[in-house]
């Protein structure tokens, strides 16, 4: 006499099969942009954005290899060289964090957005899903004089708006659209590192939390994930038939 399958056992079996299928694939994740993409200010390399995203993906059952191509001090115009490197590696998902240095050096918002859009377009050409984290709000910096805050906020919002339009037009997923990270950094100075400009390890945890939904969305749209889902369905059917 056949005993009925315990649902909890079946669900655990399906999860192991799904995770095993994902682990059989190696997801390639690239980070491009400036010092925030590189994790400057984090106390440990394991607390930088790339490492935090990698850990989250591994918790979801993915085998991940990550390359950080970001360069401290980079402006949007410098993305072209980083994209050249990324295209040779052909990542499944690329995260671009850019804009702070464009604001500091007063790059025209339209020019910076155009360079970002071109970077996204070139990554999309090689089948890469792209996540863009737009410029931070520099008015949230702890040492910003009160009289300069309105001007810095206006400049930051103008660049963000242009970046979002250009990124979406080129096919990117945009993270932190509601700009919740700016409110968090304004309210909690511990999110800044000792230089009072770059995020601290705690600040990068906030940024990674803001990035991850868009990374998940990008991953769900990638051919690698679609193959994984199809494979998981076939394996689920096999398990259910037993």
Protein backbone atom coordinates (compact mmCIF):
# COMPACT_ATOMS: atom_id res chain seq x y z
CA UNK A 1 0.00 0.00 0.00
CA UNK A 2 1.43 3.35 -1.01
CA UNK A 3 1.75 5.89 1.77
CA UNK A 4 0.63 9.44 0.91
CA UNK A 5 3.45 11.91 0.32
CA UNK A 6 4.08 14.31 3.18
CA UNK A 7 3.72 17.81 1.70
CA UNK A 8 6.55 19.24 3.78
CA UNK A 9 8.92 16.53 2.60
CA UNK A 10 7.88 17.11 -1.00
CA UNK A 11 8.37 20.87 -0.73
CA UNK A 12 11.82 20.38 0.79
CA UNK A 13 12.69 18.01 -2.01
CA UNK A 14 11.58 20.49 -4.63
CA UNK A 15 13.61 23.24 -2.98
CA UNK A 16 16.72 21.04 -3.00
CA UNK A 17 16.17 20.21 -6.67
CA UNK A 18 15.65 23.88 -7.61
CA UNK A 19 18.67 25.05 -5.65
CA UNK A 20 20.71 22.22 -7.10
CA UNK A 21 19.80 23.27 -10.62
CA UNK A 22 20.74 26.86 -9.89
CA UNK A 23 23.98 25.80 -8.28
CA UNK A 24 24.84 23.84 -11.43
CA UNK A 25 24.82 27.18 -13.28
CA UNK A 26 27.28 29.93 -12.45
CA UNK A 27 25.65 33.33 -12.43
CA UNK A 28 28.04 36.09 -13.49
CA UNK A 29 27.49 39.39 -11.66
CA UNK A 30 29.42 42.57 -12.50
CA UNK A 31 29.56 45.88 -10.65
CA UNK A 32 30.42 49.00 -12.60
CA UNK A 33 30.63 52.66 -11.64
CA UNK A 34 32.41 54.67 -8.98
CA UNK A 35 33.76 54.21 -5.45
CA UNK A 36 30.31 53.35 -4.09
CA UNK A 37 30.09 50.42 -6.49
CA UNK A 38 33.60 49.42 -5.38
CA UNK A 39 32.60 49.62 -1.70
CA UNK A 40 34.95 52.34 -0.49
CA UNK A 41 34.22 53.11 3.15
CA UNK A 42 33.17 49.57 4.08
CA UNK A 43 35.12 48.18 7.03
CA UNK A 44 35.56 44.84 5.24
CA UNK A 45 35.47 43.71 1.63
CA UNK A 46 32.71 41.30 2.59
CA UNK A 47 30.51 44.29 3.46
CA UNK A 48 30.82 46.05 0.09
CA UNK A 49 27.82 46.04 -2.28
CA UNK A 50 29.16 43.33 -4.58
CA UNK A 51 29.84 40.95 -1.69
CA UNK A 52 26.47 41.64 -0.08
CA UNK A 53 24.59 41.00 -3.32
CA UNK A 54 26.61 37.85 -3.92
CA UNK A 55 25.71 36.56 -0.46
CA UNK A 56 22.01 37.27 -1.03
CA UNK A 57 22.04 35.43 -4.35
CA UNK A 58 23.82 32.46 -2.82
CA UNK A 59 21.19 32.36 -0.07
CA UNK A 60 18.66 32.02 -2.90
CA UNK A 61 20.51 28.98 -4.18
CA UNK A 62 22.65 30.48 -6.94
CA UNK A 63 26.28 29.72 -7.63
CA UNK A 64 27.72 33.20 -8.25
CA UNK A 65 30.98 34.66 -9.48
CA UNK A 66 31.37 38.43 -9.16
CA UNK A 67 33.67 40.93 -10.80
CA UNK A 68 33.97 44.49 -9.51
CA UNK A 69 35.01 46.68 -12.43
CA UNK A 70 34.13 49.97 -10.73
CA UNK A 71 36.82 52.63 -10.28
CA UNK A 72 36.95 55.21 -7.50
CA UNK A 73 36.43 58.71 -8.83
CA UNK A 74 34.78 57.54 -12.04
CA UNK A 75 32.26 59.74 -13.79
CA UNK A 76 29.68 58.52 -16.27
CA UNK A 77 32.03 59.15 -19.21
CA UNK A 78 34.40 56.53 -17.74
CA UNK A 79 31.77 53.81 -17.96
CA UNK A 80 32.79 53.09 -21.57
CA UNK A 81 36.08 51.49 -20.49
CA UNK A 82 34.40 49.47 -17.77
CA UNK A 83 31.79 48.27 -20.23
CA UNK A 84 34.56 47.12 -22.59
CA UNK A 85 35.85 44.86 -19.82
CA UNK A 86 32.39 43.64 -18.90
CA UNK A 87 31.47 42.78 -22.48
CA UNK A 88 34.52 40.53 -22.70
CA UNK A 89 33.39 38.67 -19.58
CA UNK A 90 29.69 38.62 -20.61
CA UNK A 91 27.96 38.92 -17.22
CA UNK A 92 24.36 37.81 -16.81
CA UNK A 93 23.58 40.84 -14.63
CA UNK A 94 25.48 44.12 -14.27
CA UNK A 95 24.87 46.69 -11.54
CA UNK A 96 25.88 50.29 -12.28
CA UNK A 97 26.24 52.79 -9.42
CA UNK A 98 27.21 56.19 -10.79
CA UNK A 99 26.59 59.90 -10.51
CA UNK A 100 28.24 61.27 -7.36
CA UNK A 101 31.39 62.39 -9.17
CA UNK A 102 29.38 63.88 -12.02
CA UNK A 103 27.66 66.05 -9.42
CA UNK A 104 30.92 67.01 -7.72
CA UNK A 105 32.54 67.98 -11.03
CA UNK A 106 29.36 69.65 -12.32
CA UNK A 107 29.00 67.44 -15.36
CA UNK A 108 25.96 68.44 -17.39
CA UNK A 109 23.08 66.19 -16.39
CA UNK A 110 22.19 65.51 -20.01
CA UNK A 111 25.76 64.48 -20.86
CA UNK A 112 26.06 62.17 -17.84
CA UNK A 113 22.70 60.57 -18.59
CA UNK A 114 23.66 60.04 -22.23
CA UNK A 115 26.88 58.27 -21.22
CA UNK A 116 24.94 56.08 -18.80
CA UNK A 117 22.35 55.21 -21.42
CA UNK A 118 25.09 54.25 -23.87
CA UNK A 119 26.70 52.01 -21.26
CA UNK A 120 23.39 50.25 -20.65
CA UNK A 121 22.75 49.86 -24.38
CA UNK A 122 26.17 48.26 -24.98
CA UNK A 123 25.71 45.82 -22.11
CA UNK A 124 22.26 44.88 -23.37
CA UNK A 125 23.77 44.13 -26.78
CA UNK A 126 25.62 41.17 -25.28
CA UNK A 127 22.55 39.83 -23.49
CA UNK A 128 23.29 41.33 -20.08
CA UNK A 129 20.49 42.52 -17.81
CA UNK A 130 21.40 45.85 -16.22
CA UNK A 131 20.46 47.43 -12.90
CA UNK A 132 21.12 51.15 -12.44
CA UNK A 133 21.39 52.90 -9.08
CA UNK A 134 21.08 56.61 -9.89
CA UNK A 135 23.03 59.45 -8.31
CA UNK A 136 22.84 59.95 -4.54
CA UNK A 137 21.41 63.10 -3.00
CA UNK A 138 24.50 65.07 -2.00
CA UNK A 139 22.42 67.33 0.21
CA UNK A 140 22.23 64.40 2.65
CA UNK A 141 25.98 64.56 3.36
CA UNK A 142 26.63 65.39 7.02
CA UNK A 143 28.92 68.37 6.38
CA UNK A 144 26.79 70.08 3.74
CA UNK A 145 26.15 73.71 4.78
CA UNK A 146 22.45 74.39 5.25
CA UNK A 147 22.54 77.17 2.65
CA UNK A 148 23.81 74.79 -0.04
CA UNK A 149 21.36 71.98 0.60
CA UNK A 150 18.55 73.23 -1.69
CA UNK A 151 20.97 73.71 -4.61
CA UNK A 152 22.63 70.33 -4.12
CA UNK A 153 19.30 68.59 -3.78
CA UNK A 154 18.00 70.21 -6.97
CA UNK A 155 21.14 69.23 -8.90
CA UNK A 156 20.98 65.68 -7.54
CA UNK A 157 17.32 65.26 -8.43
CA UNK A 158 17.85 66.65 -11.93
CA UNK A 159 20.65 64.16 -12.59
CA UNK A 160 18.65 61.29 -11.10
CA UNK A 161 15.63 62.09 -13.25
CA UNK A 162 17.75 62.24 -16.42
CA UNK A 163 19.55 59.03 -15.49
CA UNK A 164 16.31 57.14 -14.86
CA UNK A 165 14.87 58.21 -18.20
CA UNK A 166 18.04 57.28 -20.10
CA UNK A 167 18.52 53.98 -18.27
CA UNK A 168 14.96 52.81 -18.83
CA UNK A 169 15.03 53.87 -22.47
CA UNK A 170 18.11 51.67 -22.95
CA UNK A 171 16.46 48.70 -21.23
CA UNK A 172 17.77 48.87 -17.65
CA UNK A 173 16.04 48.09 -14.37
CA UNK A 174 16.24 51.04 -11.96
CA UNK A 175 16.80 50.58 -8.22
CA UNK A 176 15.77 52.92 -5.42
CA UNK A 177 13.24 54.78 -7.57
CA UNK A 178 11.51 56.17 -4.49
CA UNK A 179 14.87 57.45 -3.23
CA UNK A 180 14.32 55.82 0.16
CA UNK A 181 18.07 55.54 0.70
CA UNK A 182 18.43 59.34 0.84
CA UNK A 183 15.90 59.53 3.67
CA UNK A 184 17.73 56.76 5.53
CA UNK A 185 21.12 58.46 5.19
CA UNK A 186 19.70 61.83 6.20
CA UNK A 187 18.23 60.33 9.36
CA UNK A 188 21.18 58.17 10.45
CA UNK A 189 24.72 59.52 10.34
CA UNK A 190 26.12 56.09 11.25
CA UNK A 191 25.42 55.10 7.65
CA UNK A 192 28.41 57.26 6.62
CA UNK A 193 32.02 56.14 7.00
CA UNK A 194 34.72 58.11 8.80
CA UNK A 195 35.30 60.33 5.75
CA UNK A 196 31.65 61.48 6.05
CA UNK A 197 31.17 61.04 2.33
CA UNK A 198 31.22 57.33 1.50
CA UNK A 199 28.80 54.88 3.09
CA UNK A 200 29.88 52.80 6.06
CA UNK A 201 29.36 49.06 6.22
CA UNK A 202 25.90 49.76 7.67
CA UNK A 203 25.26 52.21 4.84
CA UNK A 204 26.14 49.60 2.24
CA UNK A 205 23.68 47.22 3.88
CA UNK A 206 20.97 49.83 3.22
CA UNK A 207 22.14 50.24 -0.37
CA UNK A 208 22.24 46.48 -0.98
CA UNK A 209 18.69 46.18 0.38
CA UNK A 210 17.60 48.86 -2.10
CA UNK A 211 19.43 47.16 -4.97
CA UNK A 212 18.32 43.59 -4.41
CA UNK A 213 14.69 43.84 -5.63
CA UNK A 214 15.90 45.29 -8.94
CA UNK A 215 18.65 42.65 -9.17
CA UNK A 216 16.02 39.95 -8.63
CA UNK A 217 13.84 41.54 -11.31
CA UNK A 218 16.78 41.65 -13.71
CA UNK A 219 17.68 38.06 -12.95
CA UNK A 220 14.12 36.92 -13.57
CA UNK A 221 14.31 38.51 -17.04
CA UNK A 222 17.66 36.94 -17.95
CA UNK A 223 17.94 33.89 -20.24
CA UNK A 224 19.94 32.11 -17.52
CA UNK A 225 17.06 32.34 -15.06
CA UNK A 226 14.46 31.33 -17.63
CA UNK A 227 16.49 28.18 -18.33
CA UNK A 228 16.68 27.53 -14.62
CA UNK A 229 12.93 27.89 -14.18
CA UNK A 230 12.21 25.53 -17.05
CA UNK A 231 14.61 22.99 -15.66
CA UNK A 232 13.06 23.32 -12.22
CA UNK A 233 9.58 22.69 -13.63
CA UNK A 234 10.76 19.49 -15.28
CA UNK A 235 12.38 18.33 -12.06
CA UNK A 236 9.26 19.25 -10.05
CA UNK A 237 7.16 17.11 -12.38
CA UNK A 238 9.51 14.19 -11.84
CA UNK A 239 9.42 14.56 -8.06
CA UNK A 240 5.61 14.92 -7.98
CA UNK A 241 5.15 11.73 -10.00
CA UNK A 242 7.01 9.62 -7.44
